[in-house]
Amino acid sequence: MFPQRIHALSGKKWFVRLAWVMGIIGVTTMISSPVLARRFYGFAFLQPSAYRNYPYRNSNSTIADTLAKDGKYANLVYELKEAKLFDQLKKPGYFTIFAPTDDAFNGLKSNVFSQYSNNREKVLKYHVIVGEITPEQLKAGVLKTLEGSQLKITEDADGEVKVDNAKVNHPATTTTNGVIVQINGLLIPSDVSL
């Protein structure tokens, strides 16, 4: 009877050690997964964030219709209609629009609007990318816009993504003909002075 008791105790110790090892592996995996997701951002600003608790946003409408339905883009929708670009964002194809919110427009000085209206179409086309954004473009850090110039994409050490000087707000909204990426500022081409 004595040898059986020793055998049972050694089996129990083995099980406890295995449980500890599995626990350590599990905790390490839980801790490192979000960190790894932050470091390899790739399409992070176009996709739901892997390290923040955001719902995935989808729309069964076009970019134009989705912008019109969302109340925070009223100024952008008005400007797109004035520049006769709104209907273009209803067409089939694939577009990415870096969409400034009403707060971004409201933060502009009043004299900027008079100068801006002369360059409205050029400035708004600078917010639109035609086609899907590729990993190569993101690695290079530049995207060619509908206007013809290039946007610069950067990410700081905290994982904050910027397009030119405008901060990207996660996550993007996917639509039937592209992606809407919310930004907190107006993007101005380098050859336009406001």
C-alpha atoms as a PDB file:
ATOM      1  CA  MET A   1       0.000   0.000   0.000  1.00  0.00           C
ATOM      2  CA  PHE A   2       2.842   2.351   0.741  1.00  0.00           C
ATOM      3  CA  PRO A   3       4.310   2.267  -2.839  1.00  0.00           C
ATOM      4  CA  GLN A   4       0.917   3.075  -4.361  1.00  0.00           C
ATOM      5  CA  ARG A   5       0.629   6.183  -2.191  1.00  0.00           C
ATOM      6  CA  ILE A   6       4.036   7.454  -3.406  1.00  0.00           C
ATOM      7  CA  HIS A   7       3.013   6.829  -7.017  1.00  0.00           C
ATOM      8  CA  ALA A   8      -0.235   8.802  -6.524  1.00  0.00           C
ATOM      9  CA  LEU A   9       1.636  11.736  -4.954  1.00  0.00           C
ATOM     10  CA  SER A  10       4.208  11.907  -7.750  1.00  0.00           C
ATOM     11  CA  GLY A  11       1.385  11.885 -10.347  1.00  0.00           C
ATOM     12  CA  LYS A  12      -0.319  14.701  -8.477  1.00  0.00           C
ATOM     13  CA  LYS A  13       2.915  16.741  -8.371  1.00  0.00           C
ATOM     14  CA  TRP A  14       3.401  16.173 -12.087  1.00  0.00           C
ATOM     15  CA  PHE A  15      -0.139  17.410 -12.781  1.00  0.00           C
ATOM     16  CA  VAL A  16       0.379  20.544 -10.615  1.00  0.00           C
ATOM     17  CA  ARG A  17       3.649  21.341 -12.416  1.00  0.00           C
ATOM     18  CA  LEU A  18       1.969  20.888 -15.804  1.00  0.00           C
ATOM     19  CA  ALA A  19      -0.871  23.179 -14.709  1.00  0.00           C
ATOM     20  CA  TRP A  20       1.650  25.861 -13.664  1.00  0.00           C
ATOM     21  CA  VAL A  21       3.521  25.637 -16.979  1.00  0.00           C
ATOM     22  CA  MET A  22       0.283  25.880 -18.974  1.00  0.00           C
ATOM     23  CA  GLY A  23      -0.824  28.832 -16.831  1.00  0.00           C
ATOM     24  CA  ILE A  24       2.442  30.679 -17.461  1.00  0.00           C
ATOM     25  CA  ILE A  25       2.202  30.033 -21.209  1.00  0.00           C
ATOM     26  CA  GLY A  26      -1.410  31.246 -21.240  1.00  0.00           C
ATOM     27  CA  VAL A  27      -0.672  34.461 -19.340  1.00  0.00           C
ATOM     28  CA  THR A  28       2.364  35.189 -21.522  1.00  0.00           C
ATOM     29  CA  THR A  29       0.276  34.743 -24.677  1.00  0.00           C
ATOM     30  CA  MET A  30      -2.496  36.978 -23.327  1.00  0.00           C
ATOM     31  CA  ILE A  31      -0.028  39.736 -22.483  1.00  0.00           C
ATOM     32  CA  SER A  32       2.036  39.601 -25.677  1.00  0.00           C
ATOM     33  CA  SER A  33      -0.758  39.355 -28.281  1.00  0.00           C
ATOM     34  CA  PRO A  34      -1.986  42.964 -28.022  1.00  0.00           C
ATOM     35  CA  VAL A  35       1.599  44.232 -27.903  1.00  0.00           C
ATOM     36  CA  LEU A  36       2.457  42.370 -31.089  1.00  0.00           C
ATOM     37  CA  ALA A  37      -0.706  43.671 -32.767  1.00  0.00           C
ATOM     38  CA  ARG A  38       0.349  47.238 -31.940  1.00  0.00           C
ATOM     39  CA  ARG A  39       3.833  46.863 -33.389  1.00  0.00           C
ATOM     40  CA  PHE A  40       2.774  45.494 -36.763  1.00  0.00           C
ATOM     41  CA  TYR A  41       0.211  48.099 -37.721  1.00  0.00           C
ATOM     42  CA  GLY A  42       0.029  47.367 -41.472  1.00  0.00           C
ATOM     43  CA  PHE A  43      -3.581  48.145 -42.186  1.00  0.00           C
ATOM     44  CA  ALA A  44      -4.356  49.111 -38.586  1.00  0.00           C
ATOM     45  CA  PHE A  45      -6.000  52.413 -39.456  1.00  0.00           C
ATOM     46  CA  LEU A  46      -8.142  50.697 -42.093  1.00  0.00           C
ATOM     47  CA  GLN A  47      -9.183  47.795 -39.880  1.00  0.00           C
ATOM     48  CA  PRO A  48     -10.670  47.409 -36.428  1.00  0.00           C
ATOM     49  CA  SER A  49      -8.045  47.918 -33.783  1.00  0.00           C
ATOM     50  CA  ALA A  50      -6.564  44.749 -32.274  1.00  0.00           C
ATOM     51  CA  TYR A  51      -5.594  46.467 -29.040  1.00  0.00           C
ATOM     52  CA  ARG A  52      -8.591  48.695 -28.365  1.00  0.00           C
ATOM     53  CA  ASN A  53     -12.190  47.763 -27.707  1.00  0.00           C
ATOM     54  CA  TYR A  54     -13.962  49.151 -30.793  1.00  0.00           C
ATOM     55  CA  PRO A  55     -16.882  47.666 -32.661  1.00  0.00           C
ATOM     56  CA  TYR A  56     -16.235  46.848 -36.291  1.00  0.00           C
ATOM     57  CA  ARG A  57     -18.009  49.367 -38.479  1.00  0.00           C
ATOM     58  CA  ASN A  58     -19.577  48.286 -41.749  1.00  0.00           C
ATOM     59  CA  SER A  59     -22.021  50.048 -44.014  1.00  0.00           C
ATOM     60  CA  ASN A  60     -24.169  48.579 -46.767  1.00  0.00           C
ATOM     61  CA  SER A  61     -24.172  51.985 -48.461  1.00  0.00           C
ATOM     62  CA  THR A  62     -21.659  53.854 -50.598  1.00  0.00           C
ATOM     63  CA  ILE A  63     -19.110  56.268 -49.169  1.00  0.00           C
ATOM     64  CA  ALA A  64     -21.283  59.256 -50.124  1.00  0.00           C
ATOM     65  CA  ASP A  65     -24.436  57.830 -48.558  1.00  0.00           C
ATOM     66  CA  THR A  66     -22.618  56.765 -45.385  1.00  0.00           C
ATOM     67  CA  LEU A  67     -21.088  60.238 -44.963  1.00  0.00           C
ATOM     68  CA  ALA A  68     -24.507  61.841 -45.489  1.00  0.00           C
ATOM     69  CA  LYS A  69     -26.135  59.588 -42.862  1.00  0.00           C
ATOM     70  CA  ASP A  70     -23.459  60.252 -40.242  1.00  0.00           C
ATOM     71  CA  GLY A  71     -24.082  63.619 -38.601  1.00  0.00           C
ATOM     72  CA  LYS A  72     -20.429  64.349 -37.843  1.00  0.00           C
ATOM     73  CA  TYR A  73     -19.586  64.831 -41.544  1.00  0.00           C
ATOM     74  CA  ALA A  74     -22.196  67.478 -42.482  1.00  0.00           C
ATOM     75  CA  ASN A  75     -19.581  70.083 -43.476  1.00  0.00           C
ATOM     76  CA  LEU A  76     -17.644  67.548 -45.549  1.00  0.00           C
ATOM     77  CA  VAL A  77     -20.809  66.442 -47.369  1.00  0.00           C
ATOM     78  CA  TYR A  78     -21.695  70.077 -48.119  1.00  0.00           C
ATOM     79  CA  GLU A  79     -18.179  70.770 -49.439  1.00  0.00           C
ATOM     80  CA  LEU A  80     -18.170  67.582 -51.562  1.00  0.00           C
ATOM     81  CA  LYS A  81     -21.494  68.613 -53.118  1.00  0.00           C
ATOM     82  CA  GLU A  82     -20.201  72.146 -53.816  1.00  0.00           C
ATOM     83  CA  ALA A  83     -17.109  70.688 -55.524  1.00  0.00           C
ATOM     84  CA  LYS A  84     -19.297  68.223 -57.477  1.00  0.00           C
ATOM     85  CA  LEU A  85     -17.394  65.260 -56.003  1.00  0.00           C
ATOM     86  CA  PHE A  86     -20.218  63.836 -53.899  1.00  0.00           C
ATOM     87  CA  ASP A  87     -21.780  61.875 -56.778  1.00  0.00           C
ATOM     88  CA  GLN A  88     -18.375  60.480 -57.747  1.00  0.00           C
ATOM     89  CA  LEU A  89     -18.216  58.793 -54.320  1.00  0.00           C
ATOM     90  CA  LYS A  90     -21.489  56.990 -55.090  1.00  0.00           C
ATOM     91  CA  LYS A  91     -20.077  55.247 -58.155  1.00  0.00           C
ATOM     92  CA  PRO A  92     -18.758  51.677 -58.163  1.00  0.00           C
ATOM     93  CA  GLY A  93     -15.054  51.285 -57.657  1.00  0.00           C
ATOM     94  CA  TYR A  94     -12.851  51.412 -54.601  1.00  0.00           C
ATOM     95  CA  PHE A  95     -11.954  54.617 -52.792  1.00  0.00           C
ATOM     96  CA  THR A  96     -10.429  55.534 -49.465  1.00  0.00           C
ATOM     97  CA  ILE A  97     -11.459  58.925 -48.123  1.00  0.00           C
ATOM     98  CA  PHE A  98      -9.731  60.598 -45.201  1.00  0.00           C
ATOM     99  CA  ALA A  99     -12.804  62.323 -43.795  1.00  0.00           C
ATOM    100  CA  PRO A 100     -12.410  65.388 -41.563  1.00  0.00           C
ATOM    101  CA  THR A 101     -15.200  65.762 -39.013  1.00  0.00           C
ATOM    102  CA  ASP A 102     -17.285  68.885 -38.482  1.00  0.00           C
ATOM    103  CA  ASP A 103     -14.998  69.750 -35.555  1.00  0.00           C
ATOM    104  CA  ALA A 104     -12.051  69.886 -37.979  1.00  0.00           C
ATOM    105  CA  PHE A 105     -13.916  72.315 -40.246  1.00  0.00           C
ATOM    106  CA  ASN A 106     -15.204  74.370 -37.302  1.00  0.00           C
ATOM    107  CA  GLY A 107     -11.642  74.715 -35.990  1.00  0.00           C
ATOM    108  CA  LEU A 108     -10.575  76.643 -39.109  1.00  0.00           C
ATOM    109  CA  LYS A 109     -10.293  80.427 -38.993  1.00  0.00           C
ATOM    110  CA  SER A 110     -13.000  82.332 -40.870  1.00  0.00           C
ATOM    111  CA  ASN A 111     -10.558  83.845 -43.398  1.00  0.00           C
ATOM    112  CA  VAL A 112      -9.452  80.336 -44.413  1.00  0.00           C
ATOM    113  CA  PHE A 113     -12.881  79.592 -45.930  1.00  0.00           C
ATOM    114  CA  SER A 114     -12.628  82.401 -48.476  1.00  0.00           C
ATOM    115  CA  GLN A 115      -9.186  81.177 -49.582  1.00  0.00           C
ATOM    116  CA  TYR A 116     -10.305  77.565 -49.362  1.00  0.00           C
ATOM    117  CA  SER A 117     -13.326  78.015 -51.647  1.00  0.00           C
ATOM    118  CA  ASN A 118     -10.992  78.962 -54.524  1.00  0.00           C
ATOM    119  CA  ASN A 119      -9.166  75.636 -54.075  1.00  0.00           C
ATOM    120  CA  ARG A 120     -12.113  73.538 -52.831  1.00  0.00           C
ATOM    121  CA  GLU A 121     -11.943  70.784 -55.460  1.00  0.00           C
ATOM    122  CA  LYS A 122      -8.150  70.450 -55.220  1.00  0.00           C
ATOM    123  CA  VAL A 123      -8.230  70.240 -51.403  1.00  0.00           C
ATOM    124  CA  LEU A 124     -11.070  67.689 -51.354  1.00  0.00           C
ATOM    125  CA  LYS A 125      -9.438  65.494 -54.017  1.00  0.00           C
ATOM    126  CA  TYR A 126      -6.367  65.480 -51.767  1.00  0.00           C
ATOM    127  CA  HIS A 127      -8.473  63.550 -49.215  1.00  0.00           C
ATOM    128  CA  VAL A 128      -9.322  60.702 -51.646  1.00  0.00           C
ATOM    129  CA  ILE A 129      -7.227  57.678 -52.644  1.00  0.00           C
ATOM    130  CA  VAL A 130      -8.388  55.668 -55.664  1.00  0.00           C
ATOM    131  CA  GLY A 131      -8.033  51.892 -55.360  1.00  0.00           C
ATOM    132  CA  GLU A 132      -7.074  49.691 -52.435  1.00  0.00           C
ATOM    133  CA  ILE A 133      -4.170  50.735 -50.279  1.00  0.00           C
ATOM    134  CA  THR A 134      -1.390  48.151 -50.496  1.00  0.00           C
ATOM    135  CA  PRO A 135       1.100  47.082 -47.820  1.00  0.00           C
ATOM    136  CA  GLU A 136       3.890  48.406 -50.048  1.00  0.00           C
ATOM    137  CA  GLN A 137       2.344  51.884 -50.006  1.00  0.00           C
ATOM    138  CA  LEU A 138       2.057  51.782 -46.220  1.00  0.00           C
ATOM    139  CA  LYS A 139       5.664  50.637 -45.815  1.00  0.00           C
ATOM    140  CA  ALA A 140       6.794  53.463 -48.088  1.00  0.00           C
ATOM    141  CA  GLY A 141       4.710  55.856 -45.980  1.00  0.00           C
ATOM    142  CA  VAL A 142       3.159  57.664 -48.943  1.00  0.00           C
ATOM    143  CA  LEU A 143      -0.159  57.418 -50.783  1.00  0.00           C
ATOM    144  CA  LYS A 144      -1.000  59.007 -54.126  1.00  0.00           C
ATOM    145  CA  THR A 145      -4.230  61.004 -53.964  1.00  0.00           C
ATOM    146  CA  LEU A 146      -6.945  61.672 -56.538  1.00  0.00           C
ATOM    147  CA  GLU A 147      -5.566  65.230 -56.697  1.00  0.00           C
ATOM    148  CA  GLY A 148      -2.184  63.859 -57.825  1.00  0.00           C
ATOM    149  CA  SER A 149      -0.024  64.732 -54.809  1.00  0.00           C
ATOM    150  CA  GLN A 150       1.191  62.323 -52.160  1.00  0.00           C
ATOM    151  CA  LEU A 151       0.009  62.002 -48.555  1.00  0.00           C
ATOM    152  CA  LYS A 152       2.502  61.056 -45.863  1.00  0.00           C
ATOM    153  CA  ILE A 153       1.527  58.377 -43.309  1.00  0.00           C
ATOM    154  CA  THR A 154       3.395  58.118 -40.020  1.00  0.00           C
ATOM    155  CA  GLU A 155       3.014  56.183 -36.774  1.00  0.00           C
ATOM    156  CA  ASP A 156       4.531  57.316 -33.495  1.00  0.00           C
ATOM    157  CA  ALA A 157       5.840  55.120 -30.682  1.00  0.00           C
ATOM    158  CA  ASP A 158       2.396  55.044 -29.011  1.00  0.00           C
ATOM    159  CA  GLY A 159       0.754  53.645 -32.152  1.00  0.00           C
ATOM    160  CA  GLU A 160      -0.942  56.922 -33.109  1.00  0.00           C
ATOM    161  CA  VAL A 161      -1.295  57.105 -36.895  1.00  0.00           C
ATOM    162  CA  LYS A 162      -1.180  60.441 -38.708  1.00  0.00           C
ATOM    163  CA  VAL A 163      -1.913  61.331 -42.308  1.00  0.00           C
ATOM    164  CA  ASP A 164       0.128  64.457 -43.024  1.00  0.00           C
ATOM    165  CA  ASN A 165      -0.563  66.298 -39.741  1.00  0.00           C
ATOM    166  CA  ALA A 166      -4.080  64.982 -39.091  1.00  0.00           C
ATOM    167  CA  LYS A 167      -4.624  62.286 -36.464  1.00  0.00           C
ATOM    168  CA  VAL A 168      -6.466  59.146 -37.602  1.00  0.00           C
ATOM    169  CA  ASN A 169      -9.338  58.032 -35.374  1.00  0.00           C
ATOM    170  CA  HIS A 170      -9.802  54.238 -35.245  1.00  0.00           C
ATOM    171  CA  PRO A 171     -11.524  52.263 -36.657  1.00  0.00           C
ATOM    172  CA  ALA A 172     -12.326  52.892 -40.291  1.00  0.00           C
ATOM    173  CA  THR A 173     -15.816  52.391 -41.718  1.00  0.00           C
ATOM    174  CA  THR A 174     -16.042  50.024 -44.678  1.00  0.00           C
ATOM    175  CA  THR A 175     -18.650  50.711 -47.345  1.00  0.00           C
ATOM    176  CA  THR A 176     -19.759  49.048 -50.572  1.00  0.00           C
ATOM    177  CA  ASN A 177     -17.264  51.098 -52.600  1.00  0.00           C
ATOM    178  CA  GLY A 178     -14.404  51.743 -50.195  1.00  0.00           C
ATOM    179  CA  VAL A 179     -13.323  52.908 -46.765  1.00  0.00           C
ATOM    180  CA  ILE A 180     -13.947  56.045 -44.688  1.00  0.00           C
ATOM    181  CA  VAL A 181     -11.075  56.947 -42.356  1.00  0.00           C
ATOM    182  CA  GLN A 182     -11.997  59.640 -39.839  1.00  0.00           C
ATOM    183  CA  ILE A 183      -9.352  62.343 -39.257  1.00  0.00           C
ATOM    184  CA  ASN A 184      -9.252  65.346 -36.956  1.00  0.00           C
ATOM    185  CA  GLY A 185      -7.978  67.959 -39.410  1.00  0.00           C
ATOM    186  CA  LEU A 186      -8.200  69.202 -42.957  1.00  0.00           C
ATOM    187  CA  LEU A 187      -5.484  67.926 -45.314  1.00  0.00           C
ATOM    188  CA  ILE A 188      -3.973  70.691 -47.451  1.00  0.00           C
ATOM    189  CA  PRO A 189      -1.778  69.993 -50.511  1.00  0.00           C
ATOM    190  CA  SER A 190       1.667  71.597 -50.270  1.00  0.00           C
ATOM    191  CA  ASP A 191       1.039  73.877 -53.264  1.00  0.00           C
ATOM    192  CA  VAL A 192      -2.112  75.387 -51.693  1.00  0.00           C
ATOM    193  CA  SER A 193      -1.610  78.144 -49.165  1.00  0.00           C
ATOM    194  CA  LEU A 194      -4.417  78.800 -46.721  1.00  0.00           C
END
